[in-house]
Amino acid sequence: MDEYRFFRAGEQEELIRLLRGASIYIEMNRDTEQYFDDPNCRAALEADIVPLVKAGVQFTIASDNHHLRAANKPFDPDRYCRPFGVTETNTNTIVRELLALRARRLLNRIPIG
């Protein structure tokens, strides 16, 4: 699994130290989905991402729609974010605002009473 890791010894801790309290975001995009099929890649991603989440690093979640093919594919960030602990609380404000808009839209469709 180590050969799949992005971080080498000490690099992750240094990044966490540097990013603590900073408004810098790490992007997780749609391409992350493809790595879930390979157990080694998934374990490496988990080893790289979970400590950052626990340290409070903020993430940007992106659809990465650069081509029509990507735009036609369903976008389900929960599939690759939640297993690593990335939730609305540690994503940027754009994600939270979009989730709030979705919730309001759903509430407006539900008849009250």
N, C-alpha and C. Protein backbone atom coordinates (compact mmCIF):
# COMPACT_ATOMS: atom_id res chain seq x y z
N MET A 1 0.82 -1.19 0.00
CA MET A 1 0.00 0.00 0.00
C MET A 1 0.86 1.26 0.00
N ASP A 2 2.02 1.21 0.60
CA ASP A 2 2.87 2.41 0.71
C ASP A 2 3.22 3.03 -0.63
N GLU A 3 3.37 2.20 -1.66
CA GLU A 3 3.73 2.76 -2.96
C GLU A 3 2.59 3.57 -3.58
N TYR A 4 1.35 3.43 -3.06
CA TYR A 4 0.21 4.20 -3.54
C TYR A 4 0.03 5.51 -2.77
N ARG A 5 0.71 5.64 -1.66
CA ARG A 5 0.53 6.82 -0.80
C ARG A 5 1.04 8.08 -1.47
N PHE A 6 0.35 9.18 -1.24
CA PHE A 6 0.80 10.48 -1.71
C PHE A 6 1.89 11.02 -0.80
N PHE A 7 1.68 10.85 0.51
CA PHE A 7 2.61 11.38 1.51
C PHE A 7 3.69 10.38 1.86
N ARG A 8 4.87 10.88 2.10
CA ARG A 8 5.98 10.08 2.61
C ARG A 8 6.17 10.41 4.09
N ALA A 9 7.03 9.72 4.76
CA ALA A 9 7.25 9.90 6.20
C ALA A 9 7.48 11.36 6.56
N GLY A 10 6.68 11.86 7.49
CA GLY A 10 6.83 13.22 8.01
C GLY A 10 6.12 14.29 7.20
N GLU A 11 5.80 14.02 5.94
CA GLU A 11 5.18 15.05 5.10
C GLU A 11 3.76 15.39 5.55
N GLN A 12 3.00 14.39 5.92
CA GLN A 12 1.62 14.61 6.33
C GLN A 12 1.57 15.46 7.60
N GLU A 13 2.40 15.14 8.55
CA GLU A 13 2.44 15.90 9.80
C GLU A 13 2.85 17.35 9.54
N GLU A 14 3.79 17.55 8.63
CA GLU A 14 4.24 18.90 8.28
C GLU A 14 3.11 19.68 7.61
N LEU A 15 2.37 19.04 6.73
CA LEU A 15 1.24 19.69 6.07
C LEU A 15 0.19 20.09 7.09
N ILE A 16 -0.12 19.20 8.01
CA ILE A 16 -1.10 19.50 9.06
C ILE A 16 -0.63 20.69 9.89
N ARG A 17 0.64 20.70 10.23
CA ARG A 17 1.18 21.81 11.02
C ARG A 17 1.07 23.13 10.25
N LEU A 18 1.36 23.09 8.97
CA LEU A 18 1.32 24.31 8.16
C LEU A 18 -0.11 24.80 7.90
N LEU A 19 -1.05 23.87 7.74
CA LEU A 19 -2.42 24.25 7.39
C LEU A 19 -3.30 24.56 8.59
N ARG A 20 -2.85 24.25 9.78
CA ARG A 20 -3.68 24.46 10.97
C ARG A 20 -4.15 25.91 11.04
N GLY A 21 -5.47 26.10 10.99
CA GLY A 21 -6.05 27.42 11.10
C GLY A 21 -6.02 28.22 9.80
N ALA A 22 -5.51 27.65 8.73
CA ALA A 22 -5.45 28.37 7.45
C ALA A 22 -6.69 28.08 6.63
N SER A 23 -7.04 29.00 5.77
CA SER A 23 -8.21 28.81 4.92
C SER A 23 -7.77 28.27 3.56
N ILE A 24 -7.04 27.18 3.58
CA ILE A 24 -6.60 26.50 2.37
C ILE A 24 -7.41 25.21 2.28
N TYR A 25 -7.81 24.86 1.07
CA TYR A 25 -8.66 23.69 0.90
C TYR A 25 -7.96 22.64 0.05
N ILE A 26 -8.21 21.39 0.37
CA ILE A 26 -7.72 20.27 -0.42
C ILE A 26 -8.89 19.75 -1.22
N GLU A 27 -8.69 19.59 -2.52
CA GLU A 27 -9.79 19.16 -3.38
C GLU A 27 -9.89 17.64 -3.46
N MET A 28 -11.12 17.16 -3.30
CA MET A 28 -11.45 15.77 -3.60
C MET A 28 -12.47 15.86 -4.72
N ASN A 29 -12.19 15.27 -5.86
CA ASN A 29 -13.13 15.39 -6.96
C ASN A 29 -13.64 14.04 -7.43
N ARG A 30 -14.45 14.10 -8.45
CA ARG A 30 -15.12 12.91 -8.97
C ARG A 30 -14.14 11.79 -9.32
N ASP A 31 -12.94 12.12 -9.75
CA ASP A 31 -11.97 11.09 -10.10
C ASP A 31 -11.59 10.21 -8.92
N THR A 32 -11.84 10.69 -7.70
CA THR A 32 -11.53 9.89 -6.51
C THR A 32 -12.29 8.58 -6.53
N GLU A 33 -13.49 8.58 -7.14
CA GLU A 33 -14.33 7.38 -7.18
C GLU A 33 -13.60 6.18 -7.78
N GLN A 34 -12.79 6.42 -8.82
CA GLN A 34 -12.15 5.30 -9.52
C GLN A 34 -11.16 4.53 -8.64
N TYR A 35 -10.66 5.15 -7.60
CA TYR A 35 -9.67 4.50 -6.74
C TYR A 35 -10.29 3.58 -5.70
N PHE A 36 -11.61 3.65 -5.56
CA PHE A 36 -12.27 2.82 -4.56
C PHE A 36 -12.32 1.35 -4.96
N ASP A 37 -12.20 1.07 -6.24
CA ASP A 37 -12.29 -0.32 -6.70
C ASP A 37 -11.04 -1.13 -6.38
N ASP A 38 -9.91 -0.47 -6.21
CA ASP A 38 -8.66 -1.14 -5.89
C ASP A 38 -8.42 -1.03 -4.38
N PRO A 39 -8.41 -2.16 -3.65
CA PRO A 39 -8.27 -2.11 -2.19
C PRO A 39 -7.00 -1.40 -1.73
N ASN A 40 -5.90 -1.55 -2.46
CA ASN A 40 -4.65 -0.88 -2.07
C ASN A 40 -4.75 0.63 -2.25
N CYS A 41 -5.34 1.04 -3.36
CA CYS A 41 -5.52 2.49 -3.59
C CYS A 41 -6.44 3.09 -2.52
N ARG A 42 -7.52 2.38 -2.22
CA ARG A 42 -8.47 2.88 -1.22
C ARG A 42 -7.80 2.99 0.15
N ALA A 43 -7.03 1.98 0.53
CA ALA A 43 -6.33 2.02 1.82
C ALA A 43 -5.32 3.16 1.85
N ALA A 44 -4.64 3.41 0.74
CA ALA A 44 -3.68 4.51 0.68
C ALA A 44 -4.39 5.85 0.80
N LEU A 45 -5.51 6.00 0.10
CA LEU A 45 -6.29 7.24 0.21
C LEU A 45 -6.74 7.47 1.64
N GLU A 46 -7.22 6.41 2.27
CA GLU A 46 -7.67 6.52 3.66
C GLU A 46 -6.52 6.95 4.57
N ALA A 47 -5.36 6.34 4.38
CA ALA A 47 -4.19 6.69 5.20
C ALA A 47 -3.75 8.13 4.97
N ASP A 48 -3.95 8.64 3.76
CA ASP A 48 -3.56 10.01 3.44
C ASP A 48 -4.60 11.03 3.91
N ILE A 49 -5.88 10.70 3.81
CA ILE A 49 -6.95 11.69 4.03
C ILE A 49 -7.42 11.75 5.48
N VAL A 50 -7.64 10.60 6.13
CA VAL A 50 -8.23 10.59 7.46
C VAL A 50 -7.45 11.45 8.48
N PRO A 51 -6.12 11.38 8.55
CA PRO A 51 -5.42 12.25 9.50
C PRO A 51 -5.62 13.75 9.21
N LEU A 52 -5.77 14.10 7.93
CA LEU A 52 -6.04 15.50 7.58
C LEU A 52 -7.41 15.92 8.09
N VAL A 53 -8.39 15.04 7.92
CA VAL A 53 -9.75 15.31 8.41
C VAL A 53 -9.73 15.49 9.92
N LYS A 54 -9.06 14.58 10.60
CA LYS A 54 -9.00 14.65 12.07
C LYS A 54 -8.29 15.91 12.55
N ALA A 55 -7.38 16.44 11.73
CA ALA A 55 -6.64 17.66 12.10
C ALA A 55 -7.44 18.92 11.77
N GLY A 56 -8.61 18.76 11.13
CA GLY A 56 -9.45 19.92 10.84
C GLY A 56 -9.16 20.62 9.53
N VAL A 57 -8.41 19.98 8.64
CA VAL A 57 -8.14 20.57 7.33
C VAL A 57 -9.45 20.63 6.54
N GLN A 58 -9.69 21.73 5.85
CA GLN A 58 -10.90 21.91 5.06
C GLN A 58 -10.72 21.30 3.68
N PHE A 59 -11.80 20.77 3.13
CA PHE A 59 -11.78 20.13 1.82
C PHE A 59 -12.72 20.83 0.86
N THR A 60 -12.37 20.85 -0.41
CA THR A 60 -13.27 21.28 -1.47
C THR A 60 -13.70 20.02 -2.20
N ILE A 61 -15.00 19.86 -2.38
CA ILE A 61 -15.54 18.70 -3.07
C ILE A 61 -15.99 19.19 -4.44
N ALA A 62 -15.47 18.58 -5.50
CA ALA A 62 -15.73 19.10 -6.84
C ALA A 62 -16.28 18.02 -7.76
N SER A 63 -17.19 18.44 -8.63
CA SER A 63 -17.73 17.51 -9.62
C SER A 63 -16.74 17.28 -10.74
N ASP A 64 -15.87 18.24 -10.98
CA ASP A 64 -14.82 18.12 -12.00
C ASP A 64 -15.39 17.89 -13.38
N ASN A 65 -16.48 18.56 -13.70
CA ASN A 65 -17.13 18.40 -15.00
C ASN A 65 -16.41 19.20 -16.07
N HIS A 66 -15.36 18.62 -16.63
CA HIS A 66 -14.62 19.29 -17.70
C HIS A 66 -15.09 18.84 -19.08
N HIS A 67 -15.86 17.78 -19.12
CA HIS A 67 -16.33 17.23 -20.40
C HIS A 67 -17.79 16.83 -20.25
N LEU A 68 -18.50 16.75 -21.36
CA LEU A 68 -19.91 16.36 -21.36
C LEU A 68 -20.10 14.99 -20.72
N ARG A 69 -19.16 14.07 -20.98
CA ARG A 69 -19.23 12.72 -20.40
C ARG A 69 -19.32 12.78 -18.87
N ALA A 70 -18.51 13.64 -18.25
CA ALA A 70 -18.52 13.78 -16.80
C ALA A 70 -19.81 14.42 -16.32
N ALA A 71 -20.33 15.37 -17.08
CA ALA A 71 -21.57 16.06 -16.69
C ALA A 71 -22.77 15.12 -16.74
N ASN A 72 -22.72 14.11 -17.57
CA ASN A 72 -23.83 13.16 -17.69
C ASN A 72 -23.78 12.06 -16.65
N LYS A 73 -22.69 11.96 -15.94
CA LYS A 73 -22.50 10.92 -14.93
C LYS A 73 -23.04 11.43 -13.59
N PRO A 74 -23.79 10.62 -12.85
CA PRO A 74 -24.28 11.07 -11.53
C PRO A 74 -23.13 11.46 -10.61
N PHE A 75 -23.32 12.52 -9.87
CA PHE A 75 -22.30 13.00 -8.94
C PHE A 75 -22.74 12.68 -7.52
N ASP A 76 -22.03 11.78 -6.87
CA ASP A 76 -22.38 11.34 -5.52
C ASP A 76 -21.15 11.42 -4.61
N PRO A 77 -20.83 12.64 -4.14
CA PRO A 77 -19.61 12.80 -3.33
C PRO A 77 -19.65 12.04 -2.01
N ASP A 78 -20.84 11.76 -1.49
CA ASP A 78 -20.91 10.99 -0.24
C ASP A 78 -20.23 9.63 -0.39
N ARG A 79 -20.28 9.08 -1.59
CA ARG A 79 -19.70 7.76 -1.83
C ARG A 79 -18.21 7.72 -1.50
N TYR A 80 -17.50 8.80 -1.79
CA TYR A 80 -16.06 8.79 -1.53
C TYR A 80 -15.60 9.77 -0.46
N CYS A 81 -16.52 10.52 0.09
CA CYS A 81 -16.14 11.46 1.16
C CYS A 81 -16.44 10.89 2.54
N ARG A 82 -17.65 10.42 2.75
CA ARG A 82 -18.06 9.95 4.08
C ARG A 82 -17.18 8.83 4.64
N PRO A 83 -16.75 7.84 3.83
CA PRO A 83 -15.91 6.79 4.40
C PRO A 83 -14.61 7.31 5.02
N PHE A 84 -14.17 8.49 4.58
CA PHE A 84 -12.94 9.07 5.10
C PHE A 84 -13.20 10.14 6.16
N GLY A 85 -14.50 10.37 6.46
CA GLY A 85 -14.82 11.35 7.48
C GLY A 85 -15.02 12.76 6.97
N VAL A 86 -14.97 12.95 5.65
CA VAL A 86 -15.19 14.28 5.07
C VAL A 86 -16.70 14.52 5.01
N THR A 87 -17.17 15.50 5.76
CA THR A 87 -18.60 15.83 5.82
C THR A 87 -18.79 17.31 5.52
N GLU A 88 -20.04 17.75 5.58
CA GLU A 88 -20.35 19.16 5.32
C GLU A 88 -19.58 20.09 6.25
N THR A 89 -19.32 19.65 7.47
CA THR A 89 -18.68 20.53 8.45
C THR A 89 -17.23 20.83 8.12
N ASN A 90 -16.56 19.97 7.35
CA ASN A 90 -15.18 20.27 7.01
C ASN A 90 -14.99 20.44 5.50
N THR A 91 -16.05 20.98 4.86
CA THR A 91 -15.93 21.38 3.46
C THR A 91 -16.08 22.89 3.39
N ASN A 92 -15.78 23.45 2.24
CA ASN A 92 -15.85 24.90 2.13
C ASN A 92 -17.29 25.39 2.11
N THR A 93 -17.48 26.68 2.20
CA THR A 93 -18.83 27.25 2.32
C THR A 93 -19.67 27.02 1.08
N ILE A 94 -19.05 26.87 -0.08
CA ILE A 94 -19.84 26.62 -1.29
C ILE A 94 -20.63 25.33 -1.13
N VAL A 95 -19.99 24.29 -0.63
CA VAL A 95 -20.67 23.01 -0.44
C VAL A 95 -21.81 23.17 0.55
N ARG A 96 -21.55 23.83 1.67
CA ARG A 96 -22.61 24.02 2.68
C ARG A 96 -23.77 24.82 2.11
N GLU A 97 -23.48 25.85 1.32
CA GLU A 97 -24.55 26.65 0.72
C GLU A 97 -25.37 25.84 -0.27
N LEU A 98 -24.71 25.03 -1.08
CA LEU A 98 -25.44 24.18 -2.02
C LEU A 98 -26.31 23.16 -1.30
N LEU A 99 -25.80 22.59 -0.22
CA LEU A 99 -26.60 21.65 0.57
C LEU A 99 -27.80 22.35 1.19
N ALA A 100 -27.63 23.57 1.66
CA ALA A 100 -28.74 24.33 2.23
C ALA A 100 -29.79 24.63 1.16
N LEU A 101 -29.35 24.99 -0.04
CA LEU A 101 -30.29 25.23 -1.14
C LEU A 101 -31.07 23.96 -1.47
N ARG A 102 -30.39 22.84 -1.51
CA ARG A 102 -31.05 21.56 -1.79
C ARG A 102 -32.09 21.25 -0.72
N ALA A 103 -31.72 21.46 0.54
CA ALA A 103 -32.65 21.19 1.64
C ALA A 103 -33.88 22.08 1.55
N ARG A 104 -33.68 23.37 1.26
CA ARG A 104 -34.83 24.29 1.13
C ARG A 104 -35.74 23.87 -0.01
N ARG A 105 -35.12 23.47 -1.12
CA ARG A 105 -35.91 23.03 -2.27
C ARG A 105 -36.74 21.80 -1.91
N LEU A 106 -36.14 20.86 -1.21
CA LEU A 106 -36.87 19.66 -0.80
C LEU A 106 -37.99 19.99 0.18
N LEU A 107 -37.73 20.90 1.12
CA LEU A 107 -38.75 21.29 2.08
C LEU A 107 -39.94 21.97 1.39
N ASN A 108 -39.68 22.73 0.36
CA ASN A 108 -40.75 23.41 -0.36
C ASN A 108 -41.63 22.44 -1.12
N ARG A 109 -41.13 21.24 -1.43
CA ARG A 109 -41.91 20.22 -2.14
C ARG A 109 -42.78 19.40 -1.20
N ILE A 110 -42.46 19.39 0.09
CA ILE A 110 -43.19 18.58 1.06
C ILE A 110 -44.39 19.37 1.57
N PRO A 111 -45.60 18.86 1.34
CA PRO A 111 -46.79 19.55 1.84
C PRO A 111 -46.84 19.49 3.38
N ILE A 112 -47.15 20.60 3.99
CA ILE A 112 -47.23 20.67 5.45
C ILE A 112 -48.69 20.55 5.87
N GLY A 113 -48.91 19.71 6.89
CA GLY A 113 -50.24 19.59 7.44
C GLY A 113 -50.92 18.42 6.92
